[in-house]
Amino acid sequence: MKSCSRHWLRAVIAAASLAASAAAGAIEIACPARVTMQPAVVTDAPDGWQPQQRRTTLSVQDVVVTIGPPEQRHDLKPEITTVNGRRSYNWRFVAAENEHGVWLSCGYGNTILLSQKLSTPVSRCQAQEPVVENGYRKLVITCR
């Protein structure tokens, strides 16, 4: 891994960790608004095709909640409700799920996930549809 990539990854993890705060028994985690990635490398383009990448900065799009590390793909489907035209995503957990670990992942461009394991057991988490702030989406997840 290149030095600048490690520095970028450490900065993103630090920003996500700083964004987590405990208030009134709740854990609030704000996804980083955007990530910047190195240009993608395509290794199997057929002859005559040239890969193009239009963006290297991606805005947060969604949140994925998993039981266990995200690479195990035990994604939980949220209960979706709509209030005043804005969607809310809700997840509920039982003790056994907390034993395996609840992970939150912020999704960018259907390509990148930034993930972290919750450090304390939770019974539920909620996220609202992202709102645009300073030209980028803002997504906050609240867990109790």
N, C-alpha and C. Protein backbone atom coordinates (compact mmCIF):
# COMPACT_ATOMS: atom_id res chain seq x y z
N MET A 1 0.86 -1.18 0.00
CA MET A 1 0.00 0.00 0.00
C MET A 1 0.89 1.23 0.00
N LYS A 2 0.57 2.18 -0.80
CA LYS A 2 1.37 3.39 -0.88
C LYS A 2 1.23 4.20 0.39
N SER A 3 2.26 4.99 0.70
CA SER A 3 2.27 5.82 1.90
C SER A 3 1.10 6.78 1.93
N CYS A 4 0.78 7.44 0.81
CA CYS A 4 -0.33 8.39 0.79
C CYS A 4 -1.66 7.68 1.02
N SER A 5 -1.80 6.43 0.56
CA SER A 5 -3.02 5.67 0.78
C SER A 5 -3.20 5.35 2.25
N ARG A 6 -2.10 4.97 2.92
CA ARG A 6 -2.18 4.68 4.36
C ARG A 6 -2.54 5.94 5.12
N HIS A 7 -1.95 7.07 4.74
CA HIS A 7 -2.25 8.33 5.41
C HIS A 7 -3.72 8.69 5.21
N TRP A 8 -4.22 8.52 4.00
CA TRP A 8 -5.62 8.82 3.70
C TRP A 8 -6.53 7.93 4.54
N LEU A 9 -6.23 6.62 4.62
CA LEU A 9 -7.05 5.69 5.37
C LEU A 9 -7.05 6.04 6.85
N ARG A 10 -5.89 6.37 7.41
CA ARG A 10 -5.81 6.76 8.83
C ARG A 10 -6.65 8.02 9.08
N ALA A 11 -6.59 8.98 8.16
CA ALA A 11 -7.35 10.22 8.33
C ALA A 11 -8.85 9.96 8.30
N VAL A 12 -9.29 9.07 7.41
CA VAL A 12 -10.72 8.76 7.31
C VAL A 12 -11.19 8.05 8.57
N ILE A 13 -10.41 7.08 9.05
CA ILE A 13 -10.78 6.35 10.27
C ILE A 13 -10.81 7.30 11.46
N ALA A 14 -9.85 8.19 11.55
CA ALA A 14 -9.83 9.16 12.64
C ALA A 14 -11.05 10.07 12.58
N ALA A 15 -11.43 10.51 11.38
CA ALA A 15 -12.59 11.39 11.24
C ALA A 15 -13.87 10.65 11.66
N ALA A 16 -13.99 9.39 11.27
CA ALA A 16 -15.17 8.62 11.64
C ALA A 16 -15.21 8.38 13.15
N SER A 17 -14.05 8.11 13.74
CA SER A 17 -13.99 7.89 15.18
C SER A 17 -14.31 9.16 15.95
N LEU A 18 -13.79 10.30 15.51
CA LEU A 18 -14.09 11.56 16.16
C LEU A 18 -15.56 11.93 16.04
N ALA A 19 -16.17 11.49 14.96
CA ALA A 19 -17.58 11.81 14.74
C ALA A 19 -18.50 11.01 15.66
N ALA A 20 -17.99 9.91 16.21
CA ALA A 20 -18.80 9.09 17.11
C ALA A 20 -18.83 9.76 18.47
N SER A 21 -20.01 9.92 19.03
CA SER A 21 -20.12 10.52 20.34
C SER A 21 -21.26 9.89 21.11
N ALA A 22 -21.14 9.84 22.43
CA ALA A 22 -22.21 9.30 23.26
C ALA A 22 -22.97 10.46 23.87
N ALA A 23 -24.27 10.54 23.61
CA ALA A 23 -25.10 11.61 24.14
C ALA A 23 -26.42 11.01 24.58
N ALA A 24 -26.76 11.21 25.85
CA ALA A 24 -28.03 10.73 26.40
C ALA A 24 -28.23 9.24 26.13
N GLY A 25 -27.19 8.43 26.31
CA GLY A 25 -27.30 7.00 26.11
C GLY A 25 -27.26 6.57 24.66
N ALA A 26 -27.08 7.48 23.75
CA ALA A 26 -27.06 7.15 22.32
C ALA A 26 -25.64 7.28 21.78
N ILE A 27 -25.35 6.47 20.79
CA ILE A 27 -24.09 6.56 20.06
C ILE A 27 -24.45 7.19 18.73
N GLU A 28 -23.81 8.30 18.39
CA GLU A 28 -24.09 8.97 17.13
C GLU A 28 -22.84 8.90 16.27
N ILE A 29 -22.97 8.35 15.08
CA ILE A 29 -21.83 8.20 14.17
C ILE A 29 -22.17 8.93 12.88
N ALA A 30 -21.31 9.88 12.52
CA ALA A 30 -21.48 10.62 11.27
C ALA A 30 -20.53 10.03 10.24
N CYS A 31 -21.07 9.60 9.13
CA CYS A 31 -20.22 9.10 8.05
C CYS A 31 -19.40 10.26 7.50
N PRO A 32 -18.14 10.03 7.15
CA PRO A 32 -17.40 11.09 6.45
C PRO A 32 -18.18 11.48 5.19
N ALA A 33 -18.31 12.77 4.94
CA ALA A 33 -19.12 13.27 3.83
C ALA A 33 -18.62 12.79 2.48
N ARG A 34 -17.32 12.60 2.36
CA ARG A 34 -16.75 12.18 1.07
C ARG A 34 -15.43 11.46 1.31
N VAL A 35 -15.03 10.69 0.34
CA VAL A 35 -13.73 10.04 0.34
C VAL A 35 -13.07 10.29 -1.01
N THR A 36 -11.78 10.33 -0.99
CA THR A 36 -11.02 10.45 -2.22
C THR A 36 -10.20 9.19 -2.39
N MET A 37 -10.28 8.61 -3.56
CA MET A 37 -9.56 7.36 -3.81
C MET A 37 -8.56 7.53 -4.94
N GLN A 38 -7.62 6.63 -4.99
CA GLN A 38 -6.67 6.60 -6.09
C GLN A 38 -7.42 6.15 -7.35
N PRO A 39 -6.95 6.52 -8.52
CA PRO A 39 -7.60 6.04 -9.74
C PRO A 39 -7.65 4.51 -9.76
N ALA A 40 -8.77 3.98 -10.20
CA ALA A 40 -8.96 2.53 -10.26
C ALA A 40 -8.07 1.93 -11.34
N VAL A 41 -7.67 0.70 -11.14
CA VAL A 41 -6.87 -0.03 -12.11
C VAL A 41 -7.72 -1.17 -12.66
N VAL A 42 -7.97 -1.15 -13.95
CA VAL A 42 -8.73 -2.20 -14.61
C VAL A 42 -7.73 -3.18 -15.20
N THR A 43 -7.86 -4.45 -14.82
CA THR A 43 -6.86 -5.44 -15.23
C THR A 43 -7.31 -6.35 -16.37
N ASP A 44 -8.59 -6.28 -16.75
CA ASP A 44 -9.05 -7.22 -17.77
C ASP A 44 -9.91 -6.57 -18.86
N ALA A 45 -9.58 -5.36 -19.26
CA ALA A 45 -10.32 -4.71 -20.34
C ALA A 45 -10.02 -5.42 -21.66
N PRO A 46 -11.06 -5.78 -22.40
CA PRO A 46 -10.83 -6.45 -23.69
C PRO A 46 -10.11 -5.51 -24.66
N ASP A 47 -9.44 -6.08 -25.63
CA ASP A 47 -8.76 -5.28 -26.64
C ASP A 47 -9.73 -4.29 -27.27
N GLY A 48 -9.27 -3.09 -27.47
CA GLY A 48 -10.08 -2.05 -28.08
C GLY A 48 -10.88 -1.23 -27.07
N TRP A 49 -10.92 -1.63 -25.81
CA TRP A 49 -11.66 -0.90 -24.78
C TRP A 49 -10.67 -0.22 -23.85
N GLN A 50 -10.93 1.05 -23.56
CA GLN A 50 -10.06 1.81 -22.67
C GLN A 50 -10.86 2.24 -21.43
N PRO A 51 -10.39 1.84 -20.26
CA PRO A 51 -11.11 2.22 -19.04
C PRO A 51 -11.01 3.72 -18.78
N GLN A 52 -12.09 4.29 -18.30
CA GLN A 52 -12.14 5.71 -17.93
C GLN A 52 -12.72 5.81 -16.53
N GLN A 53 -12.25 6.74 -15.76
CA GLN A 53 -12.81 6.98 -14.43
C GLN A 53 -13.14 8.45 -14.34
N ARG A 54 -14.39 8.75 -14.09
CA ARG A 54 -14.83 10.15 -14.08
C ARG A 54 -14.62 10.82 -12.74
N ARG A 55 -14.60 10.05 -11.66
CA ARG A 55 -14.46 10.66 -10.34
C ARG A 55 -13.49 9.89 -9.47
N THR A 56 -12.79 10.62 -8.63
CA THR A 56 -11.99 9.99 -7.58
C THR A 56 -12.46 10.44 -6.21
N THR A 57 -13.37 11.44 -6.16
CA THR A 57 -13.98 11.86 -4.90
C THR A 57 -15.43 11.40 -4.92
N LEU A 58 -15.79 10.62 -3.91
CA LEU A 58 -17.13 10.05 -3.84
C LEU A 58 -17.85 10.56 -2.60
N SER A 59 -19.13 10.86 -2.73
CA SER A 59 -19.97 11.33 -1.63
C SER A 59 -20.64 10.13 -0.97
N VAL A 60 -20.90 10.25 0.33
CA VAL A 60 -21.59 9.16 1.04
C VAL A 60 -22.97 8.96 0.44
N GLN A 61 -23.38 7.70 0.27
CA GLN A 61 -24.67 7.39 -0.33
C GLN A 61 -25.61 6.70 0.64
N ASP A 62 -25.08 5.76 1.41
CA ASP A 62 -25.95 4.95 2.23
C ASP A 62 -25.18 4.35 3.39
N VAL A 63 -25.90 3.59 4.21
CA VAL A 63 -25.29 2.89 5.33
C VAL A 63 -25.69 1.42 5.24
N VAL A 64 -24.75 0.55 5.57
CA VAL A 64 -24.99 -0.89 5.61
C VAL A 64 -24.72 -1.34 7.04
N VAL A 65 -25.62 -2.12 7.60
CA VAL A 65 -25.43 -2.66 8.94
C VAL A 65 -25.25 -4.16 8.80
N THR A 66 -24.20 -4.68 9.42
CA THR A 66 -23.92 -6.12 9.33
C THR A 66 -23.71 -6.70 10.73
N ILE A 67 -24.01 -7.98 10.84
CA ILE A 67 -23.65 -8.73 12.04
C ILE A 67 -22.35 -9.43 11.69
N GLY A 68 -21.30 -9.11 12.42
CA GLY A 68 -19.98 -9.60 12.07
C GLY A 68 -19.35 -8.65 11.05
N PRO A 69 -18.08 -8.88 10.74
CA PRO A 69 -17.37 -8.00 9.80
C PRO A 69 -18.08 -7.94 8.44
N PRO A 70 -18.07 -6.77 7.80
CA PRO A 70 -18.79 -6.58 6.53
C PRO A 70 -18.39 -7.56 5.43
N GLU A 71 -17.13 -8.01 5.43
CA GLU A 71 -16.72 -8.94 4.37
C GLU A 71 -17.44 -10.29 4.48
N GLN A 72 -18.07 -10.59 5.63
CA GLN A 72 -18.85 -11.82 5.76
C GLN A 72 -20.23 -11.68 5.13
N ARG A 73 -20.63 -10.46 4.80
CA ARG A 73 -21.87 -10.15 4.08
C ARG A 73 -23.15 -10.60 4.80
N HIS A 74 -23.16 -10.46 6.12
CA HIS A 74 -24.38 -10.73 6.89
C HIS A 74 -25.13 -9.40 7.08
N ASP A 75 -25.53 -8.82 5.94
CA ASP A 75 -26.21 -7.52 5.94
C ASP A 75 -27.62 -7.67 6.50
N LEU A 76 -28.02 -6.69 7.29
CA LEU A 76 -29.37 -6.67 7.83
C LEU A 76 -30.22 -5.70 7.01
N LYS A 77 -31.42 -6.12 6.68
CA LYS A 77 -32.34 -5.23 5.96
C LYS A 77 -33.02 -4.33 6.98
N PRO A 78 -33.06 -3.04 6.70
CA PRO A 78 -33.73 -2.14 7.64
C PRO A 78 -35.24 -2.14 7.43
N GLU A 79 -35.94 -1.72 8.47
CA GLU A 79 -37.35 -1.40 8.34
C GLU A 79 -37.36 0.05 7.85
N ILE A 80 -38.06 0.31 6.75
CA ILE A 80 -38.07 1.65 6.16
C ILE A 80 -39.42 2.30 6.41
N THR A 81 -39.38 3.50 6.96
CA THR A 81 -40.60 4.28 7.16
C THR A 81 -40.39 5.64 6.49
N THR A 82 -41.50 6.30 6.17
CA THR A 82 -41.43 7.63 5.56
C THR A 82 -42.25 8.60 6.41
N VAL A 83 -41.60 9.68 6.83
CA VAL A 83 -42.26 10.72 7.61
C VAL A 83 -41.98 12.05 6.92
N ASN A 84 -43.04 12.78 6.60
CA ASN A 84 -42.92 14.07 5.91
C ASN A 84 -42.07 13.97 4.64
N GLY A 85 -42.23 12.87 3.91
CA GLY A 85 -41.52 12.68 2.65
C GLY A 85 -40.06 12.28 2.78
N ARG A 86 -39.58 12.04 4.00
CA ARG A 86 -38.18 11.68 4.21
C ARG A 86 -38.10 10.27 4.79
N ARG A 87 -37.29 9.44 4.18
CA ARG A 87 -37.16 8.04 4.62
C ARG A 87 -36.30 7.93 5.88
N SER A 88 -36.69 6.98 6.71
CA SER A 88 -35.94 6.64 7.91
C SER A 88 -35.68 5.14 7.87
N TYR A 89 -34.46 4.74 8.20
CA TYR A 89 -34.05 3.33 8.17
C TYR A 89 -33.80 2.89 9.61
N ASN A 90 -34.43 1.78 10.01
CA ASN A 90 -34.34 1.31 11.38
C ASN A 90 -33.91 -0.15 11.44
N TRP A 91 -32.99 -0.44 12.36
CA TRP A 91 -32.53 -1.80 12.59
C TRP A 91 -32.71 -2.12 14.07
N ARG A 92 -33.12 -3.34 14.38
CA ARG A 92 -33.25 -3.79 15.77
C ARG A 92 -32.34 -5.01 15.96
N PHE A 93 -31.78 -5.13 17.17
CA PHE A 93 -30.81 -6.20 17.44
C PHE A 93 -31.20 -6.98 18.68
N VAL A 94 -30.79 -8.24 18.72
CA VAL A 94 -30.95 -9.08 19.90
C VAL A 94 -29.55 -9.33 20.46
N ALA A 95 -29.50 -9.83 21.69
CA ALA A 95 -28.22 -10.03 22.38
C ALA A 95 -27.25 -10.88 21.57
N ALA A 96 -27.74 -11.94 20.94
CA ALA A 96 -26.85 -12.83 20.17
C ALA A 96 -26.16 -12.08 19.03
N GLU A 97 -26.84 -11.14 18.41
CA GLU A 97 -26.23 -10.38 17.33
C GLU A 97 -25.11 -9.50 17.86
N ASN A 98 -25.30 -8.92 19.04
CA ASN A 98 -24.25 -8.10 19.65
C ASN A 98 -23.03 -8.94 20.00
N GLU A 99 -23.23 -10.20 20.35
CA GLU A 99 -22.11 -11.08 20.67
C GLU A 99 -21.21 -11.27 19.45
N HIS A 100 -21.79 -11.31 18.27
CA HIS A 100 -21.01 -11.46 17.03
C HIS A 100 -20.42 -10.13 16.57
N GLY A 101 -20.97 -9.04 17.08
CA GLY A 101 -20.50 -7.71 16.70
C GLY A 101 -21.41 -7.05 15.68
N VAL A 102 -21.83 -5.84 15.98
CA VAL A 102 -22.62 -5.04 15.04
C VAL A 102 -21.66 -4.06 14.38
N TRP A 103 -21.66 -4.04 13.05
CA TRP A 103 -20.78 -3.18 12.27
C TRP A 103 -21.61 -2.21 11.47
N LEU A 104 -21.17 -0.96 11.41
CA LEU A 104 -21.78 0.05 10.55
C LEU A 104 -20.80 0.37 9.44
N SER A 105 -21.31 0.42 8.22
CA SER A 105 -20.48 0.75 7.07
C SER A 105 -21.13 1.88 6.29
N CYS A 106 -20.35 2.89 6.00
CA CYS A 106 -20.81 4.01 5.18
C CYS A 106 -20.44 3.68 3.74
N GLY A 107 -21.42 3.77 2.82
CA GLY A 107 -21.19 3.40 1.43
C GLY A 107 -20.95 4.60 0.54
N TYR A 108 -19.98 4.47 -0.37
CA TYR A 108 -19.59 5.54 -1.29
C TYR A 108 -19.58 5.00 -2.71
N GLY A 109 -20.41 5.58 -3.57
CA GLY A 109 -20.38 5.25 -4.99
C GLY A 109 -20.58 3.79 -5.32
N ASN A 110 -21.33 3.05 -4.51
CA ASN A 110 -21.55 1.61 -4.72
C ASN A 110 -20.25 0.84 -4.89
N THR A 111 -19.14 1.40 -4.38
CA THR A 111 -17.84 0.79 -4.58
C THR A 111 -17.06 0.65 -3.29
N ILE A 112 -17.09 1.66 -2.46
CA ILE A 112 -16.25 1.75 -1.27
C ILE A 112 -17.12 1.68 -0.02
N LEU A 113 -16.68 0.93 0.99
CA LEU A 113 -17.29 0.94 2.32
C LEU A 113 -16.25 1.35 3.33
N LEU A 114 -16.61 2.27 4.21
CA LEU A 114 -15.80 2.57 5.39
C LEU A 114 -16.57 1.97 6.56
N SER A 115 -15.95 1.07 7.30
CA SER A 115 -16.66 0.29 8.30
C SER A 115 -16.03 0.43 9.67
N GLN A 116 -16.90 0.31 10.69
CA GLN A 116 -16.40 0.24 12.06
C GLN A 116 -17.34 -0.59 12.89
N LYS A 117 -16.74 -1.32 13.84
CA LYS A 117 -17.51 -2.15 14.76
C LYS A 117 -17.95 -1.27 15.92
N LEU A 118 -19.22 -1.41 16.32
CA LEU A 118 -19.70 -0.67 17.48
C LEU A 118 -19.04 -1.26 18.73
N SER A 119 -18.57 -0.40 19.60
CA SER A 119 -17.83 -0.85 20.78
C SER A 119 -18.72 -1.27 21.93
N THR A 120 -20.01 -0.93 21.88
CA THR A 120 -20.93 -1.30 22.95
C THR A 120 -22.16 -1.97 22.35
N PRO A 121 -22.80 -2.86 23.12
CA PRO A 121 -24.02 -3.51 22.63
C PRO A 121 -25.12 -2.47 22.39
N VAL A 122 -25.93 -2.71 21.37
CA VAL A 122 -27.04 -1.81 21.04
C VAL A 122 -28.30 -2.64 20.81
N SER A 123 -29.46 -1.99 20.97
CA SER A 123 -30.72 -2.68 20.70
C SER A 123 -31.35 -2.20 19.40
N ARG A 124 -30.94 -0.99 18.96
CA ARG A 124 -31.49 -0.46 17.71
C ARG A 124 -30.59 0.64 17.15
N CYS A 125 -30.69 0.84 15.84
CA CYS A 125 -29.99 1.94 15.16
C CYS A 125 -30.97 2.56 14.17
N GLN A 126 -30.76 3.84 13.89
CA GLN A 126 -31.63 4.55 12.96
C GLN A 126 -30.78 5.52 12.12
N ALA A 127 -31.14 5.62 10.86
CA ALA A 127 -30.50 6.60 9.96
C ALA A 127 -31.60 7.24 9.13
N GLN A 128 -31.43 8.51 8.82
CA GLN A 128 -32.34 9.23 7.93
C GLN A 128 -31.70 9.27 6.55
N GLU A 129 -32.51 9.54 5.55
CA GLU A 129 -31.95 9.76 4.21
C GLU A 129 -30.89 10.85 4.32
N PRO A 130 -29.79 10.72 3.61
CA PRO A 130 -28.76 11.77 3.67
C PRO A 130 -29.31 13.12 3.24
N VAL A 131 -28.83 14.18 3.87
CA VAL A 131 -29.17 15.55 3.47
C VAL A 131 -27.92 16.18 2.86
N VAL A 132 -28.10 17.13 1.96
CA VAL A 132 -26.97 17.79 1.32
C VAL A 132 -26.56 18.99 2.16
N GLU A 133 -25.27 19.04 2.47
CA GLU A 133 -24.71 20.13 3.26
C GLU A 133 -23.35 20.49 2.66
N ASN A 134 -23.16 21.75 2.29
CA ASN A 134 -21.91 22.20 1.65
C ASN A 134 -21.58 21.40 0.39
N GLY A 135 -22.60 21.00 -0.34
CA GLY A 135 -22.38 20.30 -1.60
C GLY A 135 -22.18 18.79 -1.46
N TYR A 136 -22.16 18.27 -0.24
CA TYR A 136 -21.98 16.83 -0.01
C TYR A 136 -23.09 16.31 0.89
N ARG A 137 -23.38 15.04 0.73
CA ARG A 137 -24.40 14.42 1.58
C ARG A 137 -23.89 14.26 3.01
N LYS A 138 -24.80 14.42 3.96
CA LYS A 138 -24.49 14.20 5.37
C LYS A 138 -25.37 13.05 5.85
N LEU A 139 -24.75 12.04 6.43
CA LEU A 139 -25.48 10.87 6.90
C LEU A 139 -25.03 10.57 8.33
N VAL A 140 -26.00 10.53 9.25
CA VAL A 140 -25.72 10.27 10.65
C VAL A 140 -26.53 9.05 11.08
N ILE A 141 -25.89 8.14 11.80
CA ILE A 141 -26.54 6.95 12.33
C ILE A 141 -26.58 7.09 13.85
N THR A 142 -27.74 6.87 14.45
CA THR A 142 -27.90 6.93 15.90
C THR A 142 -28.26 5.55 16.41
N CYS A 143 -27.50 5.07 17.38
CA CYS A 143 -27.75 3.73 17.95
C CYS A 143 -27.95 3.85 19.45
N ARG A 144 -28.78 3.00 19.98
CA ARG A 144 -29.06 2.95 21.44
C ARG A 144 -28.95 1.51 21.90
